Amino acid sequence: MTGPSGAGKTSLLHAIAGLVTPEAGTVSWGDLDITALPETARDRWRRDTVGLVFQDFHLLDELSVLENILLPTRFDRWWSSAVTVAKAKRLAAGVGLDRPDQRTGALSRGEQQRVAIARALMRDPQLVLADEPTANLDTVNGTRVMDLLIGAARRAQASVVVVSHDPAALARADIVLRLEAGKLAP
């Protein structure tokens, strides 16, 4: 999805994720009306179904790359199995981060973005919502991130909704929608 700044792209992603309730209409996932769920059920659905890549990443600077990637699994238990840690390390390597013990607060913005993408993929979500996932990345890492998102989606038979101004990212989408002033452009 693309469109000018202020068109409502991020707000739409937040509505799809159940982070905000739309003023009108509903958001459905299959037969499930997300907007009708109580907050705790909506939070559980989001945790179990959605991988989110926010524009501002929402990383914990004092934690390492690996600890940030593992955060979504902490809702299940406070410890991580060797299999889970190995998966997190594979995701870190997949986005080009070779120092999983490094504190995220010491990373560049582009590296932090890659941590956020790896974290979003940690629970094998059925739906990935990515807000400008290649915005702070060079061409090589932007391609790597899109490869990772698309590859993960194919393996999990998941859907990916990407908000982007990056022509290379948009060129890889099956469908490109344009949002203008809160409405889909013809």
N, C-alpha and C. Protein backbone atom coordinates (compact mmCIF):
# COMPACT_ATOMS: atom_id res chain seq x y z
N MET A 1 0.85 -1.16 0.00
CA MET A 1 0.00 0.00 0.00
C MET A 1 0.90 1.22 0.00
N THR A 2 0.51 2.19 -0.73
CA THR A 2 1.28 3.43 -0.80
C THR A 2 0.32 4.61 -0.77
N GLY A 3 0.87 5.78 -0.76
CA GLY A 3 0.08 7.00 -0.74
C GLY A 3 0.85 8.11 -0.06
N PRO A 4 0.35 9.33 -0.16
CA PRO A 4 1.07 10.46 0.43
C PRO A 4 1.07 10.39 1.96
N SER A 5 2.01 11.11 2.56
CA SER A 5 2.05 11.20 4.02
C SER A 5 0.73 11.77 4.52
N GLY A 6 0.23 11.20 5.61
CA GLY A 6 -1.01 11.66 6.19
C GLY A 6 -2.26 11.07 5.57
N ALA A 7 -2.11 10.14 4.63
CA ALA A 7 -3.26 9.56 3.93
C ALA A 7 -4.03 8.56 4.79
N GLY A 8 -3.40 8.07 5.87
CA GLY A 8 -4.07 7.12 6.74
C GLY A 8 -3.52 5.70 6.65
N LYS A 9 -2.36 5.53 6.02
CA LYS A 9 -1.79 4.19 5.83
C LYS A 9 -1.47 3.53 7.16
N THR A 10 -0.78 4.24 8.03
CA THR A 10 -0.42 3.68 9.34
C THR A 10 -1.67 3.44 10.17
N SER A 11 -2.62 4.34 10.12
CA SER A 11 -3.88 4.16 10.86
C SER A 11 -4.62 2.91 10.37
N LEU A 12 -4.59 2.67 9.07
CA LEU A 12 -5.22 1.47 8.54
C LEU A 12 -4.52 0.21 9.05
N LEU A 13 -3.18 0.21 9.06
CA LEU A 13 -2.46 -0.94 9.61
C LEU A 13 -2.82 -1.17 11.07
N HIS A 14 -2.92 -0.09 11.85
CA HIS A 14 -3.28 -0.22 13.26
C HIS A 14 -4.70 -0.77 13.43
N ALA A 15 -5.60 -0.39 12.54
CA ALA A 15 -6.97 -0.93 12.60
C ALA A 15 -6.98 -2.41 12.24
N ILE A 16 -6.23 -2.79 11.20
CA ILE A 16 -6.15 -4.20 10.81
C ILE A 16 -5.61 -5.04 11.97
N ALA A 17 -4.61 -4.49 12.69
CA ALA A 17 -3.99 -5.21 13.80
C ALA A 17 -4.85 -5.21 15.07
N GLY A 18 -5.93 -4.45 15.06
CA GLY A 18 -6.76 -4.38 16.25
C GLY A 18 -6.18 -3.48 17.33
N LEU A 19 -5.25 -2.63 16.96
CA LEU A 19 -4.67 -1.69 17.92
C LEU A 19 -5.59 -0.49 18.15
N VAL A 20 -6.37 -0.17 17.13
CA VAL A 20 -7.38 0.88 17.24
C VAL A 20 -8.68 0.34 16.64
N THR A 21 -9.78 0.89 17.09
CA THR A 21 -11.08 0.49 16.56
C THR A 21 -11.51 1.53 15.53
N PRO A 22 -11.87 1.09 14.33
CA PRO A 22 -12.30 2.05 13.31
C PRO A 22 -13.59 2.76 13.72
N GLU A 23 -13.74 3.99 13.26
CA GLU A 23 -14.95 4.77 13.57
C GLU A 23 -16.18 4.16 12.89
N ALA A 24 -15.96 3.49 11.78
CA ALA A 24 -17.07 2.85 11.05
C ALA A 24 -16.55 1.57 10.43
N GLY A 25 -17.45 0.63 10.21
CA GLY A 25 -17.07 -0.62 9.57
C GLY A 25 -16.47 -1.61 10.55
N THR A 26 -15.98 -2.69 10.00
CA THR A 26 -15.40 -3.76 10.81
C THR A 26 -14.08 -4.21 10.19
N VAL A 27 -13.31 -4.92 10.99
CA VAL A 27 -12.10 -5.59 10.52
C VAL A 27 -12.31 -7.07 10.81
N SER A 28 -12.22 -7.88 9.77
CA SER A 28 -12.45 -9.32 9.93
C SER A 28 -11.23 -10.10 9.50
N TRP A 29 -11.03 -11.22 10.19
CA TRP A 29 -10.00 -12.19 9.81
C TRP A 29 -10.74 -13.51 9.64
N GLY A 30 -10.98 -13.89 8.39
CA GLY A 30 -11.85 -15.03 8.14
C GLY A 30 -13.24 -14.71 8.63
N ASP A 31 -13.79 -15.57 9.47
CA ASP A 31 -15.12 -15.35 10.03
C ASP A 31 -15.09 -14.56 11.33
N LEU A 32 -13.91 -14.19 11.80
CA LEU A 32 -13.76 -13.51 13.08
C LEU A 32 -13.80 -12.00 12.90
N ASP A 33 -14.73 -11.35 13.57
CA ASP A 33 -14.82 -9.89 13.56
C ASP A 33 -13.91 -9.37 14.66
N ILE A 34 -12.76 -8.88 14.28
CA ILE A 34 -11.75 -8.41 15.23
C ILE A 34 -12.29 -7.23 16.04
N THR A 35 -13.05 -6.37 15.40
CA THR A 35 -13.55 -5.17 16.08
C THR A 35 -14.57 -5.51 17.16
N ALA A 36 -15.18 -6.68 17.10
CA ALA A 36 -16.19 -7.06 18.10
C ALA A 36 -15.58 -7.78 19.30
N LEU A 37 -14.31 -8.12 19.21
CA LEU A 37 -13.67 -8.84 20.31
C LEU A 37 -13.41 -7.93 21.50
N PRO A 38 -13.54 -8.45 22.72
CA PRO A 38 -13.10 -7.69 23.89
C PRO A 38 -11.57 -7.47 23.79
N GLU A 39 -11.08 -6.48 24.47
CA GLU A 39 -9.67 -6.10 24.34
C GLU A 39 -8.71 -7.26 24.59
N THR A 40 -8.93 -8.04 25.62
CA THR A 40 -8.00 -9.14 25.91
C THR A 40 -8.02 -10.21 24.81
N ALA A 41 -9.19 -10.49 24.26
CA ALA A 41 -9.28 -11.46 23.16
C ALA A 41 -8.62 -10.90 21.90
N ARG A 42 -8.80 -9.61 21.67
CA ARG A 42 -8.16 -8.95 20.52
C ARG A 42 -6.64 -8.98 20.68
N ASP A 43 -6.15 -8.75 21.90
CA ASP A 43 -4.70 -8.81 22.16
C ASP A 43 -4.17 -10.22 21.91
N ARG A 44 -4.91 -11.22 22.37
CA ARG A 44 -4.50 -12.62 22.17
C ARG A 44 -4.48 -12.96 20.68
N TRP A 45 -5.52 -12.52 19.95
CA TRP A 45 -5.57 -12.77 18.51
C TRP A 45 -4.36 -12.14 17.84
N ARG A 46 -4.06 -10.91 18.19
CA ARG A 46 -2.93 -10.20 17.60
C ARG A 46 -1.62 -10.94 17.91
N ARG A 47 -1.44 -11.35 19.17
CA ARG A 47 -0.22 -12.07 19.58
C ARG A 47 -0.07 -13.37 18.79
N ASP A 48 -1.17 -14.09 18.60
CA ASP A 48 -1.11 -15.40 17.96
C ASP A 48 -1.13 -15.35 16.44
N THR A 49 -1.55 -14.24 15.86
CA THR A 49 -1.81 -14.20 14.42
C THR A 49 -0.95 -13.19 13.66
N VAL A 50 -0.59 -12.08 14.31
CA VAL A 50 0.00 -10.94 13.60
C VAL A 50 1.45 -10.72 14.00
N GLY A 51 2.27 -10.44 13.01
CA GLY A 51 3.63 -9.95 13.23
C GLY A 51 3.65 -8.49 12.81
N LEU A 52 4.06 -7.62 13.71
CA LEU A 52 4.02 -6.18 13.45
C LEU A 52 5.42 -5.60 13.30
N VAL A 53 5.60 -4.79 12.26
CA VAL A 53 6.83 -4.01 12.10
C VAL A 53 6.38 -2.55 12.10
N PHE A 54 6.59 -1.90 13.23
CA PHE A 54 6.20 -0.50 13.37
C PHE A 54 7.24 0.42 12.74
N GLN A 55 6.81 1.61 12.34
CA GLN A 55 7.75 2.61 11.83
C GLN A 55 8.78 2.98 12.88
N ASP A 56 8.37 3.04 14.13
CA ASP A 56 9.28 3.43 15.20
C ASP A 56 9.89 2.24 15.92
N PHE A 57 9.69 1.04 15.42
CA PHE A 57 10.30 -0.22 15.85
C PHE A 57 9.87 -0.72 17.22
N HIS A 58 9.77 0.13 18.23
CA HIS A 58 9.39 -0.27 19.59
C HIS A 58 10.30 -1.35 20.15
N LEU A 59 11.59 -1.17 19.99
CA LEU A 59 12.58 -2.07 20.57
C LEU A 59 12.92 -1.60 21.98
N LEU A 60 13.45 -2.50 22.78
CA LEU A 60 13.93 -2.15 24.11
C LEU A 60 15.45 -1.98 24.00
N ASP A 61 15.90 -0.73 24.03
CA ASP A 61 17.31 -0.41 23.79
C ASP A 61 18.28 -1.13 24.70
N GLU A 62 17.87 -1.39 25.94
CA GLU A 62 18.79 -2.01 26.90
C GLU A 62 18.93 -3.52 26.68
N LEU A 63 18.05 -4.10 25.86
CA LEU A 63 18.13 -5.53 25.56
C LEU A 63 18.98 -5.76 24.32
N SER A 64 19.48 -6.98 24.20
CA SER A 64 20.29 -7.34 23.03
C SER A 64 19.39 -7.58 21.81
N VAL A 65 20.04 -7.71 20.68
CA VAL A 65 19.33 -8.07 19.44
C VAL A 65 18.52 -9.34 19.68
N LEU A 66 19.19 -10.36 20.20
CA LEU A 66 18.54 -11.65 20.43
C LEU A 66 17.36 -11.53 21.41
N GLU A 67 17.55 -10.80 22.49
CA GLU A 67 16.48 -10.64 23.48
C GLU A 67 15.28 -9.91 22.89
N ASN A 68 15.52 -8.92 22.03
CA ASN A 68 14.41 -8.21 21.38
C ASN A 68 13.66 -9.13 20.42
N ILE A 69 14.40 -9.96 19.68
CA ILE A 69 13.75 -10.88 18.75
C ILE A 69 12.91 -11.91 19.52
N LEU A 70 13.37 -12.30 20.68
CA LEU A 70 12.67 -13.30 21.49
C LEU A 70 11.46 -12.74 22.25
N LEU A 71 11.31 -11.43 22.31
CA LEU A 71 10.22 -10.83 23.10
C LEU A 71 8.84 -11.43 22.82
N PRO A 72 8.42 -11.66 21.58
CA PRO A 72 7.08 -12.20 21.36
C PRO A 72 6.87 -13.57 22.00
N THR A 73 7.93 -14.32 22.21
CA THR A 73 7.80 -15.64 22.82
C THR A 73 7.68 -15.55 24.34
N ARG A 74 7.98 -14.41 24.89
CA ARG A 74 7.94 -14.23 26.35
C ARG A 74 6.51 -14.21 26.89
N PHE A 75 5.53 -14.06 26.02
CA PHE A 75 4.14 -14.12 26.47
C PHE A 75 3.77 -15.56 26.86
N ASP A 76 4.49 -16.51 26.28
CA ASP A 76 4.23 -17.92 26.56
C ASP A 76 4.98 -18.40 27.80
N ARG A 77 6.23 -17.97 27.94
CA ARG A 77 7.06 -18.35 29.09
C ARG A 77 8.25 -17.40 29.15
N TRP A 78 8.87 -17.30 30.31
CA TRP A 78 9.98 -16.36 30.48
C TRP A 78 11.33 -16.94 30.08
N TRP A 79 11.39 -18.21 29.79
CA TRP A 79 12.64 -18.82 29.34
C TRP A 79 12.47 -19.26 27.90
N SER A 80 13.56 -19.44 27.22
CA SER A 80 13.52 -19.85 25.81
C SER A 80 14.25 -21.16 25.63
N SER A 81 13.62 -22.07 24.92
CA SER A 81 14.25 -23.35 24.63
C SER A 81 15.40 -23.13 23.64
N ALA A 82 16.26 -24.12 23.54
CA ALA A 82 17.38 -24.06 22.61
C ALA A 82 16.86 -23.92 21.17
N VAL A 83 15.76 -24.57 20.87
CA VAL A 83 15.17 -24.49 19.52
C VAL A 83 14.70 -23.06 19.23
N THR A 84 14.06 -22.45 20.22
CA THR A 84 13.56 -21.08 20.05
C THR A 84 14.72 -20.10 19.88
N VAL A 85 15.76 -20.25 20.69
CA VAL A 85 16.93 -19.36 20.59
C VAL A 85 17.60 -19.55 19.23
N ALA A 86 17.72 -20.80 18.79
CA ALA A 86 18.33 -21.06 17.48
C ALA A 86 17.52 -20.40 16.36
N LYS A 87 16.21 -20.46 16.46
CA LYS A 87 15.36 -19.81 15.45
C LYS A 87 15.59 -18.30 15.45
N ALA A 88 15.65 -17.69 16.64
CA ALA A 88 15.89 -16.25 16.74
C ALA A 88 17.25 -15.89 16.14
N LYS A 89 18.24 -16.71 16.37
CA LYS A 89 19.57 -16.45 15.79
C LYS A 89 19.53 -16.57 14.27
N ARG A 90 18.77 -17.54 13.74
CA ARG A 90 18.62 -17.68 12.28
C ARG A 90 17.93 -16.44 11.69
N LEU A 91 16.90 -15.96 12.40
CA LEU A 91 16.21 -14.76 11.91
C LEU A 91 17.16 -13.56 11.92
N ALA A 92 17.96 -13.42 12.98
CA ALA A 92 18.93 -12.32 13.05
C ALA A 92 19.90 -12.41 11.88
N ALA A 93 20.43 -13.60 11.64
CA ALA A 93 21.35 -13.79 10.52
C ALA A 93 20.65 -13.52 9.19
N GLY A 94 19.39 -13.91 9.10
CA GLY A 94 18.62 -13.72 7.87
C GLY A 94 18.43 -12.27 7.50
N VAL A 95 18.45 -11.38 8.50
CA VAL A 95 18.34 -9.94 8.21
C VAL A 95 19.71 -9.26 8.27
N GLY A 96 20.78 -10.07 8.31
CA GLY A 96 22.13 -9.51 8.24
C GLY A 96 22.69 -8.99 9.54
N LEU A 97 22.21 -9.50 10.66
CA LEU A 97 22.72 -9.07 11.97
C LEU A 97 23.57 -10.21 12.53
N ASP A 98 24.87 -10.00 12.55
CA ASP A 98 25.78 -11.08 12.95
C ASP A 98 26.27 -10.99 14.39
N ARG A 99 25.76 -10.02 15.15
CA ARG A 99 26.14 -9.89 16.56
C ARG A 99 24.88 -9.89 17.43
N PRO A 100 24.28 -11.06 17.67
CA PRO A 100 23.00 -11.13 18.39
C PRO A 100 23.09 -10.68 19.85
N ASP A 101 24.28 -10.60 20.42
CA ASP A 101 24.41 -10.17 21.81
C ASP A 101 24.58 -8.66 21.95
N GLN A 102 24.66 -7.95 20.83
CA GLN A 102 24.83 -6.49 20.88
C GLN A 102 23.54 -5.82 21.34
N ARG A 103 23.68 -4.80 22.18
CA ARG A 103 22.54 -4.03 22.66
C ARG A 103 21.92 -3.27 21.50
N THR A 104 20.60 -3.28 21.41
CA THR A 104 19.95 -2.61 20.27
C THR A 104 20.10 -1.10 20.33
N GLY A 105 20.27 -0.54 21.52
CA GLY A 105 20.47 0.90 21.64
C GLY A 105 21.75 1.38 20.97
N ALA A 106 22.69 0.47 20.72
CA ALA A 106 23.96 0.82 20.08
C ALA A 106 23.93 0.61 18.57
N LEU A 107 22.80 0.18 18.04
CA LEU A 107 22.69 -0.11 16.61
C LEU A 107 22.29 1.12 15.81
N SER A 108 22.59 1.08 14.52
CA SER A 108 22.11 2.12 13.61
C SER A 108 20.61 1.96 13.44
N ARG A 109 19.97 2.97 12.89
CA ARG A 109 18.52 2.90 12.66
C ARG A 109 18.17 1.76 11.71
N GLY A 110 18.97 1.55 10.67
CA GLY A 110 18.72 0.46 9.73
C GLY A 110 18.85 -0.90 10.39
N GLU A 111 19.84 -1.05 11.27
CA GLU A 111 20.00 -2.31 12.00
C GLU A 111 18.84 -2.53 12.94
N GLN A 112 18.38 -1.47 13.60
CA GLN A 112 17.22 -1.60 14.49
C GLN A 112 15.99 -2.03 13.70
N GLN A 113 15.85 -1.51 12.52
CA GLN A 113 14.72 -1.88 11.68
C GLN A 113 14.76 -3.38 11.36
N ARG A 114 15.95 -3.89 11.11
CA ARG A 114 16.08 -5.32 10.81
C ARG A 114 15.78 -6.18 12.04
N VAL A 115 16.12 -5.69 13.24
CA VAL A 115 15.76 -6.40 14.47
C VAL A 115 14.24 -6.47 14.57
N ALA A 116 13.57 -5.35 14.29
CA ALA A 116 12.11 -5.30 14.38
C ALA A 116 11.46 -6.28 13.40
N ILE A 117 12.03 -6.42 12.23
CA ILE A 117 11.48 -7.35 11.24
C ILE A 117 11.68 -8.79 11.69
N ALA A 118 12.87 -9.11 12.19
CA ALA A 118 13.11 -10.46 12.70
C ALA A 118 12.16 -10.77 13.85
N ARG A 119 11.95 -9.81 14.75
CA ARG A 119 11.03 -10.00 15.88
C ARG A 119 9.61 -10.28 15.38
N ALA A 120 9.18 -9.55 14.35
CA ALA A 120 7.82 -9.74 13.81
C ALA A 120 7.62 -11.14 13.24
N LEU A 121 8.68 -11.76 12.79
CA LEU A 121 8.58 -13.08 12.18
C LEU A 121 8.78 -14.22 13.17
N MET A 122 9.13 -13.90 14.40
CA MET A 122 9.52 -14.92 15.39
C MET A 122 8.43 -15.95 15.65
N ARG A 123 7.18 -15.58 15.68
CA ARG A 123 6.09 -16.52 16.00
C ARG A 123 5.40 -17.08 14.75
N ASP A 124 6.05 -16.96 13.60
CA ASP A 124 5.46 -17.47 12.34
C ASP A 124 4.03 -16.96 12.16
N PRO A 125 3.86 -15.65 12.10
CA PRO A 125 2.50 -15.10 12.03
C PRO A 125 1.80 -15.45 10.72
N GLN A 126 0.48 -15.47 10.79
CA GLN A 126 -0.33 -15.69 9.59
C GLN A 126 -0.51 -14.39 8.81
N LEU A 127 -0.28 -13.27 9.50
CA LEU A 127 -0.42 -11.95 8.90
C LEU A 127 0.74 -11.08 9.38
N VAL A 128 1.48 -10.51 8.45
CA VAL A 128 2.56 -9.58 8.78
C VAL A 128 2.14 -8.21 8.29
N LEU A 129 2.18 -7.25 9.21
CA LEU A 129 1.88 -5.85 8.88
C LEU A 129 3.17 -5.07 9.04
N ALA A 130 3.67 -4.52 7.96
CA ALA A 130 4.97 -3.86 7.97
C ALA A 130 4.83 -2.42 7.48
N ASP A 131 5.14 -1.49 8.37
CA ASP A 131 5.04 -0.06 8.06
C ASP A 131 6.42 0.45 7.67
N GLU A 132 6.61 0.68 6.38
CA GLU A 132 7.87 1.17 5.82
C GLU A 132 9.07 0.28 6.21
N PRO A 133 9.00 -1.03 5.91
CA PRO A 133 10.06 -1.93 6.36
C PRO A 133 11.42 -1.72 5.71
N THR A 134 11.47 -1.00 4.59
CA THR A 134 12.76 -0.78 3.92
C THR A 134 13.20 0.68 3.97
N ALA A 135 12.48 1.51 4.72
CA ALA A 135 12.73 2.96 4.69
C ALA A 135 14.13 3.36 5.09
N ASN A 136 14.73 2.70 6.05
CA ASN A 136 16.05 3.09 6.55
C ASN A 136 17.17 2.19 6.05
N LEU A 137 16.88 1.44 5.00
CA LEU A 137 17.84 0.44 4.55
C LEU A 137 18.41 0.79 3.18
N ASP A 138 19.66 0.37 2.97
CA ASP A 138 20.25 0.50 1.64
C ASP A 138 19.61 -0.55 0.72
N THR A 139 19.95 -0.49 -0.55
CA THR A 139 19.32 -1.36 -1.54
C THR A 139 19.53 -2.84 -1.21
N VAL A 140 20.75 -3.22 -0.84
CA VAL A 140 21.06 -4.63 -0.55
C VAL A 140 20.23 -5.12 0.63
N ASN A 141 20.21 -4.35 1.73
CA ASN A 141 19.45 -4.78 2.90
C ASN A 141 17.95 -4.65 2.70
N GLY A 142 17.52 -3.69 1.90
CA GLY A 142 16.10 -3.58 1.56
C GLY A 142 15.63 -4.81 0.80
N THR A 143 16.43 -5.26 -0.15
CA THR A 143 16.11 -6.48 -0.90
C THR A 143 16.12 -7.69 0.03
N ARG A 144 17.10 -7.76 0.92
CA ARG A 144 17.19 -8.87 1.87
C ARG A 144 15.95 -8.92 2.77
N VAL A 145 15.51 -7.77 3.24
CA VAL A 145 14.33 -7.71 4.12
C VAL A 145 13.08 -8.13 3.36
N MET A 146 12.91 -7.64 2.15
CA MET A 146 11.74 -8.04 1.37
C MET A 146 11.80 -9.53 1.04
N ASP A 147 12.98 -10.06 0.74
CA ASP A 147 13.12 -11.50 0.52
C ASP A 147 12.68 -12.27 1.76
N LEU A 148 13.10 -11.80 2.93
CA LEU A 148 12.75 -12.46 4.18
C LEU A 148 11.25 -12.41 4.43
N LEU A 149 10.65 -11.24 4.25
CA LEU A 149 9.20 -11.10 4.47
C LEU A 149 8.42 -11.99 3.50
N ILE A 150 8.77 -11.93 2.24
CA ILE A 150 8.05 -12.70 1.22
C ILE A 150 8.29 -14.20 1.44
N GLY A 151 9.53 -14.58 1.72
CA GLY A 151 9.85 -16.00 1.95
C GLY A 151 9.12 -16.55 3.16
N ALA A 152 9.12 -15.80 4.25
CA ALA A 152 8.43 -16.23 5.47
C ALA A 152 6.93 -16.36 5.21
N ALA A 153 6.38 -15.42 4.47
CA ALA A 153 4.95 -15.46 4.17
C ALA A 153 4.61 -16.68 3.32
N ARG A 154 5.43 -16.98 2.34
CA ARG A 154 5.17 -18.15 1.49
C ARG A 154 5.25 -19.44 2.29
N ARG A 155 6.29 -19.56 3.12
CA ARG A 155 6.45 -20.79 3.91
C ARG A 155 5.28 -21.00 4.87
N ALA A 156 4.79 -19.92 5.46
CA ALA A 156 3.71 -20.01 6.44
C ALA A 156 2.34 -19.85 5.79
N GLN A 157 2.30 -19.67 4.49
CA GLN A 157 1.06 -19.36 3.78
C GLN A 157 0.37 -18.17 4.44
N ALA A 158 1.17 -17.17 4.73
CA ALA A 158 0.70 -15.97 5.43
C ALA A 158 0.49 -14.83 4.44
N SER A 159 -0.21 -13.84 4.93
CA SER A 159 -0.42 -12.61 4.16
C SER A 159 0.52 -11.53 4.69
N VAL A 160 0.96 -10.67 3.80
CA VAL A 160 1.82 -9.55 4.18
C VAL A 160 1.20 -8.27 3.64
N VAL A 161 1.03 -7.30 4.52
CA VAL A 161 0.57 -5.98 4.11
C VAL A 161 1.71 -5.02 4.41
N VAL A 162 2.22 -4.40 3.36
CA VAL A 162 3.36 -3.50 3.49
C VAL A 162 2.92 -2.09 3.11
N VAL A 163 3.25 -1.14 3.97
CA VAL A 163 3.11 0.27 3.63
C VAL A 163 4.49 0.74 3.22
N SER A 164 4.59 1.34 2.04
CA SER A 164 5.91 1.74 1.57
C SER A 164 5.83 2.86 0.53
N HIS A 165 6.91 3.61 0.48
CA HIS A 165 7.13 4.56 -0.61
C HIS A 165 8.27 4.06 -1.50
N ASP A 166 8.83 2.91 -1.17
CA ASP A 166 9.98 2.34 -1.87
C ASP A 166 9.50 1.64 -3.14
N PRO A 167 9.85 2.17 -4.32
CA PRO A 167 9.40 1.55 -5.57
C PRO A 167 9.85 0.10 -5.71
N ALA A 168 11.04 -0.24 -5.22
CA ALA A 168 11.52 -1.63 -5.32
C ALA A 168 10.66 -2.57 -4.47
N ALA A 169 10.27 -2.12 -3.29
CA ALA A 169 9.41 -2.95 -2.42
C ALA A 169 8.03 -3.09 -3.05
N LEU A 170 7.48 -2.00 -3.55
CA LEU A 170 6.15 -2.03 -4.15
C LEU A 170 6.12 -2.90 -5.41
N ALA A 171 7.22 -2.93 -6.14
CA ALA A 171 7.30 -3.73 -7.37
C ALA A 171 7.19 -5.22 -7.07
N ARG A 172 7.49 -5.62 -5.83
CA ARG A 172 7.44 -7.04 -5.47
C ARG A 172 6.08 -7.47 -4.95
N ALA A 173 5.18 -6.53 -4.79
CA ALA A 173 3.84 -6.84 -4.25
C ALA A 173 2.96 -7.45 -5.32
N ASP A 174 2.09 -8.35 -4.89
CA ASP A 174 1.10 -8.92 -5.80
C ASP A 174 0.03 -7.89 -6.15
N ILE A 175 -0.33 -7.08 -5.17
CA ILE A 175 -1.35 -6.04 -5.33
C ILE A 175 -0.82 -4.76 -4.69
N VAL A 176 -0.95 -3.64 -5.38
CA VAL A 176 -0.56 -2.36 -4.81
C VAL A 176 -1.80 -1.48 -4.75
N LEU A 177 -2.14 -1.06 -3.55
CA LEU A 177 -3.26 -0.16 -3.33
C LEU A 177 -2.71 1.21 -2.97
N ARG A 178 -3.42 2.24 -3.39
CA ARG A 178 -3.02 3.61 -3.06
C ARG A 178 -4.10 4.22 -2.19
N LEU A 179 -3.67 4.75 -1.05
CA LEU A 179 -4.59 5.40 -0.12
C LEU A 179 -4.38 6.91 -0.22
N GLU A 180 -5.47 7.63 -0.37
CA GLU A 180 -5.42 9.10 -0.43
C GLU A 180 -6.54 9.64 0.44
N ALA A 181 -6.19 10.48 1.40
CA ALA A 181 -7.15 11.10 2.31
C ALA A 181 -8.08 10.07 2.96
N GLY A 182 -7.50 8.94 3.37
CA GLY A 182 -8.27 7.93 4.06
C GLY A 182 -9.13 7.04 3.19
N LYS A 183 -8.99 7.16 1.88
CA LYS A 183 -9.81 6.34 0.97
C LYS A 183 -8.91 5.70 -0.08
N LEU A 184 -9.32 4.52 -0.54
CA LEU A 184 -8.58 3.87 -1.61
C LEU A 184 -8.77 4.66 -2.90
N ALA A 185 -7.66 4.93 -3.55
CA ALA A 185 -7.71 5.67 -4.81
C ALA A 185 -8.08 4.70 -5.93
N PRO A 186 -8.82 5.20 -6.92
CA PRO A 186 -9.21 4.33 -8.06
C PRO A 186 -8.00 3.92 -8.89
